[in-house]
Protein backbone atom coordinates (compact mmCIF):
# COMPACT_ATOMS: atom_id res chain seq x y z
CA UNK A 1 -18.81 -15.71 12.53
CA UNK A 2 -16.35 -13.00 13.49
CA UNK A 3 -13.54 -12.09 11.12
CA UNK A 4 -10.47 -11.85 13.34
CA UNK A 5 -6.94 -11.19 12.23
CA UNK A 6 -4.32 -13.79 12.91
CA UNK A 7 -1.65 -12.72 15.39
CA UNK A 8 1.44 -11.27 13.77
CA UNK A 9 -0.21 -9.78 10.70
CA UNK A 10 0.58 -6.12 10.26
CA UNK A 11 -1.11 -3.11 8.84
CA UNK A 12 -1.22 -2.36 5.12
CA UNK A 13 -0.19 1.26 4.58
CA UNK A 14 -1.73 3.16 1.68
CA UNK A 15 0.32 6.14 0.48
CA UNK A 16 -1.43 7.84 -2.41
CA UNK A 17 -2.18 11.53 -2.87
CA UNK A 18 -5.15 10.60 -5.05
CA UNK A 19 -7.53 10.64 -2.06
CA UNK A 20 -10.43 8.97 -3.86
CA UNK A 21 -8.26 6.07 -4.94
CA UNK A 22 -6.66 5.77 -1.49
CA UNK A 23 -10.09 5.55 0.14
CA UNK A 24 -11.21 2.99 -2.46
CA UNK A 25 -8.16 0.84 -1.66
CA UNK A 26 -8.79 1.23 2.08
CA UNK A 27 -12.40 0.13 1.66
CA UNK A 28 -11.31 -2.88 -0.38
CA UNK A 29 -8.80 -4.01 2.25
CA UNK A 30 -11.32 -3.43 5.03
CA UNK A 31 -13.86 -5.57 3.16
CA UNK A 32 -11.22 -8.31 2.92
CA UNK A 33 -10.63 -8.05 6.66
CA UNK A 34 -7.15 -6.54 6.37
CA UNK A 35 -6.03 -3.86 8.80
CA UNK A 36 -5.01 -0.78 6.79
CA UNK A 37 -4.25 2.90 7.16
CA UNK A 38 -4.12 5.74 4.65
CA UNK A 39 -1.02 7.83 5.39
CA UNK A 40 0.51 10.99 3.99
CA UNK A 41 4.08 11.30 2.78
CA UNK A 42 4.96 13.13 6.01
CA UNK A 43 3.44 10.36 8.16
CA UNK A 44 4.96 7.46 6.24
CA UNK A 45 8.28 7.01 8.06
CA UNK A 46 6.70 7.09 11.50
CA UNK A 47 3.94 4.70 10.37
CA UNK A 48 6.64 2.18 9.38
CA UNK A 49 7.95 1.86 12.94
CA UNK A 50 8.38 -0.87 13.93
CA UNK A 51 8.80 -2.51 10.51
CA UNK A 52 7.22 -5.77 11.65
CA UNK A 53 3.96 -3.89 12.31
CA UNK A 54 3.60 -3.22 8.57
CA UNK A 55 2.75 -6.09 6.24
CA UNK A 56 2.89 -4.06 2.99
CA UNK A 57 2.56 -0.62 1.46
CA UNK A 58 0.42 0.36 -1.51
CA UNK A 59 2.22 3.26 -3.21
CA UNK A 60 0.48 5.61 -5.63
CA UNK A 61 0.77 9.23 -6.69
CA UNK A 62 3.14 11.60 -4.89
CA UNK A 63 3.44 15.27 -5.82
CA UNK A 64 6.47 15.71 -3.60
CA UNK A 65 9.12 13.21 -2.72
CA UNK A 66 10.85 10.54 -4.69
CA UNK A 67 9.09 7.19 -5.15
CA UNK A 68 12.37 5.32 -5.59
CA UNK A 69 14.00 6.85 -2.50
CA UNK A 70 10.89 6.10 -0.47
CA UNK A 71 10.92 2.41 -1.49
CA UNK A 72 14.67 2.17 -0.81
CA UNK A 73 14.23 3.71 2.63
CA UNK A 74 12.15 0.73 3.78
CA UNK A 75 13.87 -2.43 2.44
CA UNK A 76 11.99 -4.78 4.80
CA UNK A 77 8.54 -3.66 3.63
CA UNK A 78 7.01 -5.08 0.42
CA UNK A 79 5.46 -2.48 -1.90
CA UNK A 80 2.61 -2.71 -4.39
CA UNK A 81 2.67 0.20 -6.82
CA UNK A 82 -0.34 1.73 -8.54
CA UNK A 83 -0.14 2.63 -12.22
CA UNK A 84 2.04 1.82 -15.18
CA UNK A 85 4.10 4.99 -14.64
CA UNK A 86 5.67 3.35 -11.57
CA UNK A 87 6.83 0.18 -13.40
CA UNK A 88 10.40 1.41 -13.24
CA UNK A 89 10.35 0.67 -9.50
CA UNK A 90 10.50 -3.07 -10.21
CA UNK A 91 14.29 -2.64 -10.13
CA UNK A 92 13.85 -2.47 -6.35
CA UNK A 93 13.78 -5.90 -4.69
CA UNK A 94 10.94 -5.03 -2.33
CA UNK A 95 8.50 -3.95 -5.07
CA UNK A 96 6.36 -7.05 -5.45
CA UNK A 97 3.45 -6.06 -7.66
CA UNK A 98 1.71 -3.55 -9.89
CA UNK A 99 -1.96 -2.61 -9.67
CA UNK A 100 -3.38 -1.14 -12.86
CA UNK A 101 -6.47 0.97 -13.25
CA UNK A 102 -9.33 0.81 -13.63
CA UNK A 103 -9.81 -1.60 -10.76
CA UNK A 104 -12.32 -4.21 -11.85
CA UNK A 105 -13.97 -7.10 -10.12
CA UNK A 106 -16.48 -9.77 -11.17
CA UNK A 107 -20.08 -9.03 -10.36
CA UNK A 108 -21.30 -11.34 -7.63
CA UNK A 109 -25.00 -12.19 -7.85
């Protein structure tokens, strides 16, 4: 059985300067069969074009740039934020969820 994506589903962008965490998220989405791409802050705007090619963005740590301005710059893209320190972004209509650490999952045996 081949895991194929349905037509029309976009890429999940992962923008997080914590490289280990970004790669962990990428691996998780790949395991789930979701197309994803880890991007830098500088690559983000170009990666969002066209908007319908992006299904969501996972937003984590940024040493430069403004989280709130970044979210506001892409009103058509839903954002999941990583960490309790980004809870304040829920004031933005396109922030749809919060992922808290540590990431846990049930052990499958």
